Amino acid sequence: MNVGEKMKIKPELSTKQRMIKAALALFHKRGVPATSVDAVLGRSKTGKSQFTHYFKNKDGLVLSTLEYFEQEMHQGAYSPFRRLKPGNSWNNSCADFQNGRKPSITN
């Protein structure tokens, strides 16, 4: 599934996984600054107490989401990222992701 596609959050995923996948989809669509914790909770069908159990704040969610994305990327889930070289390409792609743009891939 392409990150930009509408992701359905599977109920069999753990609560933390549902929040991270919901955040990933919303961050990609809206950008990090425009995505509220409440929007993530609504999309993942979770509550604030669950959020605070797993994350200290929104920054913690962003960090966990980027870590999840990096793991998926290295496992080949997002094949265009396999062509990234360390350095500026990675940094630019992370900035694109954070701002809700499709990551730029340069060889």
C-alpha atoms as a PDB file:
ATOM      1  CA  MET A   1       0.000   0.000   0.000  1.00  0.00           C
ATOM      2  CA  ASN A   2       1.262   3.431  -0.884  1.00  0.00           C
ATOM      3  CA  VAL A   3       1.557   5.732   2.138  1.00  0.00           C
ATOM      4  CA  GLY A   4      -0.740   8.256   0.451  1.00  0.00           C
ATOM      5  CA  GLU A   5      -3.559   5.777   0.051  1.00  0.00           C
ATOM      6  CA  LYS A   6      -6.320   5.742   2.615  1.00  0.00           C
ATOM      7  CA  MET A   7      -5.127   3.348   5.290  1.00  0.00           C
ATOM      8  CA  LYS A   8      -7.679   1.291   7.149  1.00  0.00           C
ATOM      9  CA  ILE A   9      -6.592   0.683  10.703  1.00  0.00           C
ATOM     10  CA  LYS A  10      -7.045  -3.004  11.488  1.00  0.00           C
ATOM     11  CA  PRO A  11      -8.606  -3.730  14.890  1.00  0.00           C
ATOM     12  CA  GLU A  12      -6.284  -6.721  15.466  1.00  0.00           C
ATOM     13  CA  LEU A  13      -3.283  -4.386  15.642  1.00  0.00           C
ATOM     14  CA  SER A  14      -2.123  -3.332  19.090  1.00  0.00           C
ATOM     15  CA  THR A  15      -3.387  -0.006  20.384  1.00  0.00           C
ATOM     16  CA  LYS A  16       0.049   1.547  19.934  1.00  0.00           C
ATOM     17  CA  GLN A  17       0.327   0.213  16.370  1.00  0.00           C
ATOM     18  CA  ARG A  18      -3.116   1.611  15.508  1.00  0.00           C
ATOM     19  CA  MET A  19      -2.116   5.050  16.781  1.00  0.00           C
ATOM     20  CA  ILE A  20       1.185   4.997  14.883  1.00  0.00           C
ATOM     21  CA  LYS A  21      -0.422   3.862  11.613  1.00  0.00           C
ATOM     22  CA  ALA A  22      -3.156   6.482  11.977  1.00  0.00           C
ATOM     23  CA  ALA A  23      -0.529   9.153  12.679  1.00  0.00           C
ATOM     24  CA  LEU A  24       1.527   8.073   9.663  1.00  0.00           C
ATOM     25  CA  ALA A  25      -1.454   8.426   7.349  1.00  0.00           C
ATOM     26  CA  LEU A  26      -2.500  11.783   8.789  1.00  0.00           C
ATOM     27  CA  PHE A  27       1.024  13.204   8.895  1.00  0.00           C
ATOM     28  CA  HIS A  28       1.454  12.259   5.265  1.00  0.00           C
ATOM     29  CA  LYS A  29      -1.871  13.785   4.254  1.00  0.00           C
ATOM     30  CA  ARG A  30      -1.851  16.953   6.381  1.00  0.00           C
ATOM     31  CA  GLY A  31       1.702  17.357   7.628  1.00  0.00           C
ATOM     32  CA  VAL A  32       2.777  17.050  11.245  1.00  0.00           C
ATOM     33  CA  PRO A  33       1.925  20.612  12.350  1.00  0.00           C
ATOM     34  CA  ALA A  34      -1.629  20.377  10.978  1.00  0.00           C
ATOM     35  CA  THR A  35      -2.377  16.992  12.588  1.00  0.00           C
ATOM     36  CA  SER A  36      -3.769  17.072  16.101  1.00  0.00           C
ATOM     37  CA  VAL A  37      -3.502  14.302  18.655  1.00  0.00           C
ATOM     38  CA  ASP A  38      -7.312  14.245  18.703  1.00  0.00           C
ATOM     39  CA  ALA A  39      -7.359  13.546  14.953  1.00  0.00           C
ATOM     40  CA  VAL A  40      -4.980  10.604  15.467  1.00  0.00           C
ATOM     41  CA  LEU A  41      -7.111   9.292  18.333  1.00  0.00           C
ATOM     42  CA  GLY A  42     -10.267   9.562  16.245  1.00  0.00           C
ATOM     43  CA  ARG A  43      -8.768   7.761  13.285  1.00  0.00           C
ATOM     44  CA  SER A  44      -7.258   5.014  15.435  1.00  0.00           C
ATOM     45  CA  LYS A  45     -10.381   4.706  17.611  1.00  0.00           C
ATOM     46  CA  THR A  46      -8.331   5.102  20.786  1.00  0.00           C
ATOM     47  CA  GLY A  47      -8.513   7.399  23.794  1.00  0.00           C
ATOM     48  CA  LYS A  48      -6.330   9.983  25.526  1.00  0.00           C
ATOM     49  CA  SER A  49      -5.446   7.669  28.405  1.00  0.00           C
ATOM     50  CA  GLN A  50      -4.161   5.117  25.892  1.00  0.00           C
ATOM     51  CA  PHE A  51      -2.194   7.848  24.129  1.00  0.00           C
ATOM     52  CA  THR A  52      -0.510   9.012  27.344  1.00  0.00           C
ATOM     53  CA  HIS A  53       0.294   5.409  28.256  1.00  0.00           C
ATOM     54  CA  TYR A  54       2.436   5.022  25.114  1.00  0.00           C
ATOM     55  CA  PHE A  55       3.607   8.569  24.346  1.00  0.00           C
ATOM     56  CA  LYS A  56       4.658  11.465  26.547  1.00  0.00           C
ATOM     57  CA  ASN A  57       3.286  13.991  24.041  1.00  0.00           C
ATOM     58  CA  LYS A  58       2.867  14.607  20.310  1.00  0.00           C
ATOM     59  CA  ASP A  59       6.642  14.738  19.856  1.00  0.00           C
ATOM     60  CA  GLY A  60       6.840  11.189  21.218  1.00  0.00           C
ATOM     61  CA  LEU A  61       4.217  10.092  18.709  1.00  0.00           C
ATOM     62  CA  VAL A  62       6.101  11.765  15.854  1.00  0.00           C
ATOM     63  CA  LEU A  63       9.328  10.042  16.883  1.00  0.00           C
ATOM     64  CA  SER A  64       7.634   6.630  17.150  1.00  0.00           C
ATOM     65  CA  THR A  65       5.961   7.166  13.782  1.00  0.00           C
ATOM     66  CA  LEU A  66       9.283   8.011  12.121  1.00  0.00           C
ATOM     67  CA  GLU A  67      10.891   4.955  13.732  1.00  0.00           C
ATOM     68  CA  TYR A  68       8.048   2.776  12.425  1.00  0.00           C
ATOM     69  CA  PHE A  69       8.348   4.343   8.969  1.00  0.00           C
ATOM     70  CA  GLU A  70      12.099   3.734   8.948  1.00  0.00           C
ATOM     71  CA  GLN A  71      11.594   0.063   9.867  1.00  0.00           C
ATOM     72  CA  GLU A  72       9.004  -0.362   7.129  1.00  0.00           C
ATOM     73  CA  MET A  73      11.252   1.391   4.665  1.00  0.00           C
ATOM     74  CA  HIS A  74      14.190  -0.888   5.403  1.00  0.00           C
ATOM     75  CA  GLN A  75      11.946  -3.945   5.044  1.00  0.00           C
ATOM     76  CA  GLY A  76      11.007  -2.787   1.547  1.00  0.00           C
ATOM     77  CA  ALA A  77       7.450  -1.698   2.277  1.00  0.00           C
ATOM     78  CA  TYR A  78       8.120   1.648   0.586  1.00  0.00           C
ATOM     79  CA  SER A  79      10.225   0.566  -2.351  1.00  0.00           C
ATOM     80  CA  PRO A  80      11.153   4.037  -3.673  1.00  0.00           C
ATOM     81  CA  PHE A  81      13.133   4.608  -0.470  1.00  0.00           C
ATOM     82  CA  ARG A  82      15.448   1.698  -1.245  1.00  0.00           C
ATOM     83  CA  ARG A  83      17.161   4.019  -3.738  1.00  0.00           C
ATOM     84  CA  LEU A  84      17.931   6.679  -1.129  1.00  0.00           C
ATOM     85  CA  LYS A  85      21.532   7.417  -0.350  1.00  0.00           C
ATOM     86  CA  PRO A  86      22.497   8.491   3.172  1.00  0.00           C
ATOM     87  CA  GLY A  87      22.736  12.210   3.736  1.00  0.00           C
ATOM     88  CA  ASN A  88      20.753  14.878   1.971  1.00  0.00           C
ATOM     89  CA  SER A  89      18.370  12.527   0.174  1.00  0.00           C
ATOM     90  CA  TRP A  90      17.285  11.030   3.496  1.00  0.00           C
ATOM     91  CA  ASN A  91      17.053  14.430   5.198  1.00  0.00           C
ATOM     92  CA  ASN A  92      15.063  15.944   2.341  1.00  0.00           C
ATOM     93  CA  SER A  93      12.702  12.980   2.268  1.00  0.00           C
ATOM     94  CA  CYS A  94      12.086  13.241   6.013  1.00  0.00           C
ATOM     95  CA  ALA A  95      11.363  16.960   5.630  1.00  0.00           C
ATOM     96  CA  ASP A  96       8.975  16.231   2.748  1.00  0.00           C
ATOM     97  CA  PHE A  97       7.198  13.600   4.846  1.00  0.00           C
ATOM     98  CA  GLN A  98       6.875  15.921   7.831  1.00  0.00           C
ATOM     99  CA  ASN A  99       5.345  18.625   5.647  1.00  0.00           C
ATOM    100  CA  GLY A 100       2.853  16.292   3.976  1.00  0.00           C
ATOM    101  CA  ARG A 101       4.593  16.154   0.608  1.00  0.00           C
ATOM    102  CA  LYS A 102       5.481  13.046  -1.327  1.00  0.00           C
ATOM    103  CA  PRO A 103       9.135  12.350  -0.489  1.00  0.00           C
ATOM    104  CA  SER A 104      11.549  13.386  -3.215  1.00  0.00           C
ATOM    105  CA  ILE A 105      13.783  10.582  -4.416  1.00  0.00           C
ATOM    106  CA  THR A 106      17.155  11.417  -5.895  1.00  0.00           C
ATOM    107  CA  ASN A 107      19.737   8.899  -7.045  1.00  0.00           C
END
